[in-house]
Protein backbone atom coordinates (compact mmCIF):
# COMPACT_ATOMS: atom_id res chain seq x y z
CA MET A 1 6.78 15.40 -0.84
CA ILE A 2 4.66 12.55 0.44
CA THR A 3 6.68 9.44 1.21
CA THR A 4 3.88 7.13 2.30
CA GLU A 5 1.07 5.83 0.18
CA VAL A 6 -2.61 5.73 1.01
CA THR A 7 -3.32 2.09 1.85
CA TYR A 8 -6.40 -0.08 1.65
CA GLU A 9 -6.55 0.16 5.45
CA GLU A 10 -6.61 3.95 5.27
CA LEU A 11 -9.20 3.89 2.49
CA ALA A 12 -11.42 1.60 4.58
CA ALA A 13 -11.10 4.01 7.54
CA LEU A 14 -11.94 6.94 5.28
CA MET A 15 -15.00 5.11 3.94
CA LYS A 16 -16.18 4.73 7.55
CA GLN A 17 -15.37 8.34 8.45
CA ALA A 18 -16.67 10.08 5.32
CA ALA A 19 -19.58 7.85 4.36
CA GLY A 20 -20.38 5.75 7.42
CA ILE A 21 -19.62 2.52 5.53
CA THR A 22 -17.75 -0.22 7.34
CA VAL A 23 -15.57 -2.31 5.04
CA ASP A 24 -12.93 -4.80 6.09
CA PRO A 25 -9.59 -3.60 4.65
CA GLN A 26 -8.71 -7.17 3.64
CA GLU A 27 -11.99 -7.49 1.72
CA LEU A 28 -11.30 -4.12 0.07
CA ARG A 29 -7.85 -5.34 -0.98
CA GLN A 30 -9.15 -8.69 -2.27
CA SER A 31 -11.99 -7.02 -4.19
CA ALA A 32 -9.97 -4.04 -5.40
CA GLU A 33 -11.40 -4.34 -8.91
CA SER A 34 -15.01 -4.34 -7.68
CA PRO A 35 -16.91 -1.09 -8.19
CA PHE A 36 -17.27 1.19 -5.18
CA ASP A 37 -21.04 0.78 -5.28
CA ALA A 38 -20.55 -2.93 -4.48
CA PHE A 39 -19.27 -1.70 -1.10
CA GLY A 40 -22.16 0.76 -0.74
CA LEU A 41 -20.09 3.85 -1.56
CA ASP A 42 -21.65 6.36 -3.93
CA SER A 43 -20.06 9.33 -5.72
CA LEU A 44 -20.93 11.70 -2.88
CA GLY A 45 -19.16 9.44 -0.39
CA LEU A 46 -16.12 9.26 -2.66
CA LEU A 47 -16.13 13.04 -2.97
CA GLY A 48 -16.01 13.24 0.84
CA ILE A 49 -12.98 10.92 0.84
CA VAL A 50 -11.26 13.06 -1.80
CA GLY A 51 -11.86 16.17 0.31
CA GLU A 52 -10.50 14.51 3.43
CA LEU A 53 -7.35 13.36 1.61
CA GLU A 54 -6.82 16.84 0.17
CA ASN A 55 -7.09 18.34 3.66
CA ARG A 56 -4.90 15.67 5.22
CA TYR A 57 -2.08 15.91 2.71
CA GLY A 58 -2.43 19.56 1.69
CA ALA A 59 -2.50 18.60 -1.96
CA SER A 60 -5.18 18.91 -4.63
CA LEU A 61 -6.24 15.70 -6.29
CA PRO A 62 -7.21 15.60 -9.97
CA PRO A 63 -10.84 16.57 -10.74
CA ASP A 64 -11.55 13.05 -11.96
CA SER A 65 -10.59 11.48 -8.60
CA GLU A 66 -14.21 11.19 -7.55
CA ARG A 67 -15.04 9.45 -10.84
CA CYS A 68 -12.82 6.45 -10.12
CA ARG A 69 -14.86 3.28 -10.23
CA THR A 70 -12.80 0.87 -8.14
CA PRO A 71 -10.63 1.02 -5.02
CA ARG A 72 -7.53 0.04 -7.03
CA GLU A 73 -8.13 2.74 -9.65
CA PHE A 74 -8.69 5.32 -6.90
CA LEU A 75 -5.61 4.39 -4.87
CA ASN A 76 -3.40 4.30 -7.98
CA LEU A 77 -4.54 7.79 -8.96
CA VAL A 78 -4.28 9.22 -5.44
CA ASN A 79 -0.88 7.71 -4.72
CA SER A 80 0.63 8.72 -8.05
CA THR A 81 -0.65 12.28 -7.53
CA LEU A 82 0.60 12.52 -3.94
CA THR A 83 4.02 11.04 -4.67
CA ALA A 84 4.44 13.36 -7.66
CA GLY A 85 4.12 16.27 -5.22
CA ALA A 86 0.93 17.62 -6.79
């Protein structure tokens, strides 16, 4: 079971690693309802983040993970899936 949640800081680092997009974690947190494309992240970049999280945590995320539109929606889905032991 996962006891820690994926944070905005981790998401920002993953955006840099998977898509080459630098985003300040504080800006990501403050604009959590903004669409990912406002940060320059497209669906392919989000798919790369999903894959990295699945590898990192050894858990499959729901198929609709890469369809999340905002950072908050994505983190809520990822964290609820990981903490549920999926």
